[in-house]
Amino acid sequence: MKKKSDLMDFQGKKVVITGVAGFIGSNLADKLLELGAEVIGIDNFLTGRKENLSKAFKAPKFKFYSGDIRDLDFLLDIFQDIDVIFHQAAFTSVPQSIKMPDSCNDINVNGILNILNASRKRDIEKIVFASSAAIYGDDPNLPKKEDMRCLPISPYGVSKLAGEAYMQSYHHVYGLKTTTLRYFNVFGPRQKDSPYSGVIAIWLGKIVRNEDLLIFGDGTQSRDFIYVKDIINANLLASEIKNSGDVFNIGLGFPISLNAIAELLLKITNKNNLKIQYAEQRIGDILHSYCDNNKAKEILGFIPKYNHEEGLKDYFKYFVDK
């Protein structure tokens, strides 16, 4: 049975992806081009990488502009006759946001204000915004539901919550058609192996280098890991719905501990000779998080295709093949 997104027709649609050279943005670009859209990509390469766009650059319907979402005049020039904006550009690291809160706010809050103001002035049909589970903070109530109180514990989480509020405000005040997706822990191809990346990307890098895995804390903390291809599907579905001003959790819908995901990764990669090392828990890290994704299932028609093992196997295959 095909996913709903596989049946979507984006022929004739003109879309913008901010942060297109990032790991999620580049995967989204490839899928939209495959579905027939004309894709305009924006990135300043602060964290994105040009090699992520090697496939997109070969597509005749792809145009790339090097620029910054904090430059309103730049956005006004680009946002001409656009059907959908997928706003993926962001300051994404929780640890880095603690070290650089001003930069995080500048990119994530001032950036989305520019996106919204440019969209309003250019009569953009639809905006899909990539938010984060970090907005829930460390509230012990589980699973996380969209109507829960939001008490973020990091500058990154605060900036994403501010972005959500602006999305809803511009819908109610100016009538913009906005949809916010609260990503949980995304992993997959093109996720950068760096100290500030997602933990699975870091671990795969270590496995390739035959190094032991490192966990901050005792490893019992849990996450809702979701494969990037399911995230792409959620974005496509969100761009099609008529509901506006709404917020959706996008996760697999059940937790797995860091210990369990590390052990599963070592099993899949046949690296059981490597060990799991532990270090002191980091400030700003949330202990437990997983989502109730029923709202996304009911309204978006979002059904995750990849479980943890299937996603990790597909991701590892990418690592081996690239």
Protein backbone atom coordinates (compact mmCIF):
# COMPACT_ATOMS: atom_id res chain seq x y z
CA MET A 1 0.00 0.00 0.00
CA LYS A 2 1.41 3.38 -1.00
CA LYS A 3 1.72 6.23 1.44
CA LYS A 4 -0.56 9.17 0.82
CA SER A 5 2.44 11.37 -0.04
CA ASP A 6 3.43 8.98 -2.83
CA LEU A 7 0.13 9.80 -4.51
CA MET A 8 0.51 13.58 -4.19
CA ASP A 9 0.93 15.66 -7.31
CA PHE A 10 3.15 18.71 -6.90
CA GLN A 11 3.34 19.33 -10.64
CA GLY A 12 3.02 23.07 -11.31
CA LYS A 13 3.63 24.00 -7.68
CA LYS A 14 6.38 26.43 -6.78
CA VAL A 15 7.84 25.94 -3.32
CA VAL A 16 10.57 27.48 -1.19
CA ILE A 17 12.68 25.49 1.27
CA THR A 18 14.72 27.49 3.78
CA GLY A 19 17.73 25.66 5.16
CA VAL A 20 17.71 23.55 2.01
CA ALA A 21 21.33 22.41 2.41
CA GLY A 22 20.61 20.93 5.82
CA PHE A 23 19.93 17.27 6.37
CA ILE A 24 16.13 17.58 6.50
CA GLY A 25 15.88 20.40 3.96
CA SER A 26 17.93 18.56 1.32
CA ASN A 27 15.93 15.35 1.73
CA LEU A 28 12.73 17.37 1.40
CA ALA A 29 14.03 19.04 -1.75
CA ASP A 30 14.82 15.70 -3.40
CA LYS A 31 11.33 14.35 -2.63
CA LEU A 32 9.51 17.45 -3.88
CA LEU A 33 11.55 17.46 -7.09
CA GLU A 34 10.68 13.79 -7.53
CA LEU A 35 6.99 14.71 -7.18
CA GLY A 36 7.24 17.40 -9.85
CA ALA A 37 7.52 20.64 -7.87
CA GLU A 38 9.61 23.64 -8.83
CA VAL A 39 11.89 24.02 -5.81
CA ILE A 40 13.65 27.21 -4.74
CA GLY A 41 16.25 26.51 -2.07
CA ILE A 42 17.71 29.05 0.36
CA ASP A 43 20.74 28.51 2.60
CA ASN A 44 23.67 30.48 4.02
CA PHE A 45 25.77 27.34 4.66
CA LEU A 46 26.14 28.21 8.34
CA THR A 47 25.40 24.55 9.11
CA GLY A 48 24.17 23.24 5.75
CA ARG A 49 26.50 21.58 3.26
CA LYS A 50 26.69 21.99 -0.51
CA GLU A 51 27.26 18.24 -0.99
CA ASN A 52 23.77 17.60 0.42
CA LEU A 53 22.41 19.23 -2.73
CA SER A 54 24.40 17.21 -5.27
CA LYS A 55 21.24 15.42 -6.45
CA ALA A 56 19.06 18.55 -6.41
CA PHE A 57 21.58 20.56 -8.45
CA LYS A 58 21.10 18.09 -11.31
CA ALA A 59 17.33 18.71 -11.40
CA PRO A 60 16.13 21.29 -13.96
CA LYS A 61 13.38 22.47 -11.60
CA PHE A 62 15.76 23.36 -8.77
CA LYS A 63 17.04 26.89 -8.16
CA PHE A 64 19.39 27.76 -5.32
CA TYR A 65 19.99 31.13 -3.70
CA SER A 66 22.71 31.75 -1.15
CA GLY A 67 21.24 34.05 1.46
CA ASP A 68 20.11 34.53 5.04
CA ILE A 69 16.57 34.42 6.44
CA ARG A 70 17.52 37.41 8.61
CA ASP A 71 17.67 39.52 5.42
CA LEU A 72 14.08 40.65 4.74
CA ASP A 73 14.89 42.30 1.38
CA PHE A 74 16.48 39.06 0.18
CA LEU A 75 13.34 37.11 1.10
CA LEU A 76 11.06 39.63 -0.58
CA ASP A 77 13.03 39.20 -3.81
CA ILE A 78 12.77 35.39 -3.63
CA PHE A 79 9.14 35.05 -2.51
CA GLN A 80 7.51 35.68 -5.88
CA ASP A 81 4.48 33.59 -6.92
CA ILE A 82 5.19 30.90 -4.31
CA ASP A 83 2.62 28.25 -3.35
CA VAL A 84 4.26 26.78 -0.23
CA ILE A 85 7.15 27.68 2.07
CA PHE A 86 8.80 24.92 4.07
CA HIS A 87 10.69 26.76 6.81
CA GLN A 88 13.48 24.37 7.88
CA ALA A 89 16.30 26.87 8.49
CA ALA A 90 17.24 27.11 12.16
CA PHE A 91 19.83 27.30 14.87
CA THR A 92 19.37 23.66 15.87
CA SER A 93 21.74 22.73 18.70
CA VAL A 94 20.55 22.74 22.31
CA PRO A 95 24.11 22.77 23.78
CA GLN A 96 25.17 25.53 21.38
CA SER A 97 22.07 27.57 22.23
CA ILE A 98 23.18 27.59 25.87
CA LYS A 99 26.57 28.97 24.82
CA MET A 100 25.14 31.36 22.19
CA PRO A 101 21.58 32.36 23.19
CA ASP A 102 21.69 35.64 21.27
CA SER A 103 22.60 33.91 18.00
CA CYS A 104 19.92 31.28 18.58
CA ASN A 105 17.29 33.97 19.11
CA ASP A 106 18.46 36.00 16.13
CA ILE A 107 18.20 33.10 13.71
CA ASN A 108 15.15 31.32 15.08
CA VAL A 109 12.98 34.26 16.19
CA ASN A 110 14.02 37.18 14.00
CA GLY A 111 14.34 34.73 11.12
CA ILE A 112 10.77 33.48 11.36
CA LEU A 113 9.48 37.04 11.70
CA ASN A 114 11.12 37.83 8.37
CA ILE A 115 9.66 34.68 6.80
CA LEU A 116 6.17 35.63 8.00
CA ASN A 117 6.44 39.30 7.03
CA ALA A 118 7.76 38.47 3.58
CA SER A 119 5.02 35.85 3.15
CA ARG A 120 2.34 38.34 4.17
CA LYS A 121 3.58 40.95 1.72
CA ARG A 122 3.85 38.41 -1.10
CA ASP A 123 0.50 36.67 -0.43
CA ILE A 124 2.05 33.23 0.11
CA GLU A 125 -0.52 30.43 0.10
CA LYS A 126 0.94 28.19 2.82
CA ILE A 127 3.79 28.03 5.38
CA VAL A 128 4.95 24.82 7.08
CA PHE A 129 7.25 25.43 10.05
CA ALA A 130 9.71 22.97 11.58
CA SER A 131 9.39 23.27 15.36
CA SER A 132 10.72 20.91 18.02
CA ALA A 133 9.77 18.70 20.95
CA ALA A 134 12.19 20.87 22.94
CA ILE A 135 9.29 23.28 23.54
CA TYR A 136 7.84 20.82 26.09
CA GLY A 137 10.88 21.06 28.34
CA ASP A 138 11.27 18.48 31.08
CA ASP A 139 7.61 18.22 32.09
CA PRO A 140 7.34 14.65 33.47
CA ASN A 141 3.89 14.06 31.96
CA LEU A 142 4.04 11.57 29.09
CA PRO A 143 3.28 11.20 26.28
CA LYS A 144 3.65 14.76 25.07
CA LYS A 145 0.39 16.14 23.68
CA GLU A 146 -0.11 19.29 21.67
CA ASP A 147 -2.35 20.90 24.31
CA MET A 148 0.16 20.43 27.16
CA ARG A 149 1.81 23.41 28.82
CA CYS A 150 5.13 24.33 27.24
CA LEU A 151 8.04 25.13 29.57
CA PRO A 152 11.25 24.85 27.52
CA ILE A 153 14.47 24.57 29.53
CA SER A 154 16.94 25.69 26.83
CA PRO A 155 17.25 28.88 24.75
CA TYR A 156 16.72 26.67 21.69
CA GLY A 157 13.38 25.43 23.04
CA VAL A 158 12.34 28.98 23.93
CA SER A 159 13.15 30.19 20.41
CA LYS A 160 11.11 27.43 18.81
CA LEU A 161 8.13 28.15 21.07
CA ALA A 162 8.36 31.82 20.12
CA GLY A 163 8.34 30.78 16.46
CA GLU A 164 5.20 28.71 17.00
CA ALA A 165 3.48 31.65 18.69
CA TYR A 166 4.35 33.92 15.79
CA MET A 167 3.02 31.34 13.31
CA GLN A 168 -0.31 31.19 15.12
CA SER A 169 -0.45 34.95 15.60
CA TYR A 170 0.11 35.67 11.91
CA HIS A 171 -2.59 33.15 11.04
CA HIS A 172 -5.13 34.81 13.34
CA VAL A 173 -4.18 38.43 12.62
CA TYR A 174 -3.24 38.32 8.93
CA GLY A 175 -4.95 35.15 7.74
CA LEU A 176 -1.76 33.32 6.72
CA LYS A 177 -2.23 29.59 6.28
CA THR A 178 0.28 28.16 8.72
CA THR A 179 1.04 24.67 10.01
CA THR A 180 3.61 23.85 12.69
CA LEU A 181 5.25 20.44 13.00
CA ARG A 182 6.90 19.59 16.32
CA TYR A 183 9.71 17.24 15.31
CA PHE A 184 10.87 14.74 17.88
CA ASN A 185 14.34 13.13 17.51
CA VAL A 186 14.99 12.97 13.77
CA PHE A 187 17.78 10.83 12.30
CA GLY A 188 18.79 9.76 8.83
CA PRO A 189 20.95 10.33 5.74
CA ARG A 190 22.93 13.58 5.56
CA GLN A 191 22.71 14.24 9.27
CA LYS A 192 26.14 15.62 10.08
CA ASP A 193 28.47 13.71 12.41
CA SER A 194 29.60 16.50 14.74
CA PRO A 195 29.55 17.12 18.51
CA TYR A 196 26.33 19.11 18.07
CA SER A 197 24.45 16.69 15.82
CA GLY A 198 21.84 14.12 16.70
CA VAL A 199 23.18 11.27 18.80
CA ILE A 200 22.57 8.55 16.19
CA ALA A 201 24.64 10.42 13.58
CA ILE A 202 27.43 10.84 16.13
CA TRP A 203 27.32 7.14 17.01
CA LEU A 204 27.37 6.02 13.38
CA GLY A 205 30.43 8.19 12.83
CA LYS A 206 32.12 6.55 15.80
CA ILE A 207 31.16 3.07 14.56
CA VAL A 208 32.66 3.79 11.15
CA ARG A 209 35.87 4.88 12.93
CA ASN A 210 35.70 1.81 15.20
CA GLU A 211 35.33 3.92 18.35
CA ASP A 212 33.27 3.23 21.48
CA LEU A 213 29.91 5.00 21.83
CA LEU A 214 29.45 7.78 24.39
CA ILE A 215 26.27 8.48 26.35
CA PHE A 216 25.84 11.56 28.56
CA GLY A 217 24.02 10.26 31.63
CA ASP A 218 23.25 6.65 32.51
CA GLY A 219 21.51 5.81 29.21
CA THR A 220 18.10 5.21 30.76
CA GLN A 221 16.84 8.51 29.38
CA SER A 222 14.41 7.91 26.52
CA ARG A 223 13.61 9.55 23.21
CA ASP A 224 11.12 9.32 20.38
CA PHE A 225 13.44 8.72 17.42
CA ILE A 226 11.85 9.15 14.00
CA TYR A 227 13.39 8.49 10.61
CA VAL A 228 13.86 11.46 8.26
CA LYS A 229 11.79 9.90 5.46
CA ASP A 230 8.77 9.95 7.79
CA ILE A 231 9.50 13.60 8.59
CA ILE A 232 9.49 14.39 4.87
CA ASN A 233 6.14 12.65 4.51
CA ALA A 234 4.71 14.74 7.36
CA ASN A 235 5.82 17.96 5.64
CA LEU A 236 4.17 16.95 2.38
CA LEU A 237 0.93 16.09 4.16
CA ALA A 238 1.01 19.35 6.13
CA SER A 239 1.34 21.37 2.94
CA GLU A 240 -1.86 19.84 1.58
CA ILE A 241 -4.31 20.22 4.48
CA LYS A 242 -6.80 23.07 4.65
CA ASN A 243 -6.55 23.45 8.44
CA SER A 244 -4.61 26.56 9.39
CA GLY A 245 -2.87 27.76 12.52
CA ASP A 246 -2.55 24.22 13.83
CA VAL A 247 0.30 22.37 15.58
CA PHE A 248 1.17 18.67 15.27
CA ASN A 249 3.53 16.30 17.07
CA ILE A 250 5.64 14.38 14.55
CA GLY A 251 7.26 11.35 16.12
CA LEU A 252 7.06 7.59 16.08
CA GLY A 253 4.79 7.67 19.12
CA PHE A 254 6.69 5.50 21.59
CA PRO A 255 10.00 5.80 23.45
CA ILE A 256 13.25 3.91 23.39
CA SER A 257 16.13 4.38 25.84
CA LEU A 258 19.53 5.58 24.67
CA ASN A 259 20.99 2.31 25.94
CA ALA A 260 18.55 0.30 23.81
CA ILE A 261 19.07 2.35 20.64
CA ALA A 262 22.87 2.14 21.07
CA GLU A 263 22.72 -1.64 21.50
CA LEU A 264 20.44 -1.97 18.47
CA LEU A 265 22.83 0.12 16.38
CA LEU A 266 25.81 -2.01 17.40
CA LYS A 267 23.83 -5.13 16.48
CA ILE A 268 22.78 -3.80 13.06
CA THR A 269 26.33 -2.73 12.21
CA ASN A 270 27.80 -5.97 13.58
CA LYS A 271 30.06 -3.99 15.93
CA ASN A 272 29.41 -5.79 19.19
CA ASN A 273 33.12 -5.50 19.98
CA LEU A 274 32.60 -1.80 20.69
CA LYS A 275 31.55 -0.62 24.13
CA ILE A 276 29.15 2.00 25.47
CA GLN A 277 30.91 4.62 27.59
CA TYR A 278 29.16 7.03 29.96
CA ALA A 279 29.82 10.66 30.92
CA GLU A 280 28.13 13.25 33.11
CA GLN A 281 24.70 14.38 31.93
CA ARG A 282 24.70 17.69 30.03
CA ILE A 283 22.87 20.82 31.17
CA GLY A 284 19.68 21.37 29.17
CA ASP A 285 19.21 17.74 28.14
CA ILE A 286 15.71 16.37 28.70
CA LEU A 287 15.40 13.04 30.51
CA HIS A 288 12.35 11.47 28.86
CA SER A 289 10.31 12.41 25.83
CA TYR A 290 7.91 10.74 23.44
CA CYS A 291 4.80 11.96 21.71
CA ASP A 292 1.15 11.24 21.24
CA ASN A 293 0.90 11.52 17.44
CA ASN A 294 -2.82 10.74 17.15
CA LYS A 295 -3.69 14.28 16.08
CA ALA A 296 -1.26 14.04 13.15
CA LYS A 297 -2.68 10.64 12.24
CA GLU A 298 -6.27 11.84 12.30
CA ILE A 299 -5.91 15.23 10.62
CA LEU A 300 -2.80 14.91 8.45
CA GLY A 301 -3.17 11.21 7.67
CA PHE A 302 0.38 10.77 8.99
CA ILE A 303 1.39 7.13 9.50
CA PRO A 304 5.10 6.50 10.20
CA LYS A 305 6.53 3.86 7.89
CA TYR A 306 9.85 3.15 9.62
CA ASN A 307 10.29 1.64 13.07
CA HIS A 308 13.61 2.06 14.90
CA GLU A 309 15.29 -1.00 13.39
CA GLU A 310 14.09 -0.33 9.83
CA GLY A 311 15.19 3.30 10.01
CA LEU A 312 18.62 2.41 11.40
CA LYS A 313 19.16 -0.26 8.74
CA ASP A 314 18.27 2.17 5.95
CA TYR A 315 20.49 4.85 7.49
CA PHE A 316 23.44 2.49 7.87
CA LYS A 317 23.03 1.38 4.25
CA TYR A 318 23.36 5.02 3.25
CA PHE A 319 26.55 5.30 5.32
CA VAL A 320 28.01 2.21 3.65
CA ASP A 321 26.98 3.17 0.11
CA LYS A 322 27.99 6.85 0.10
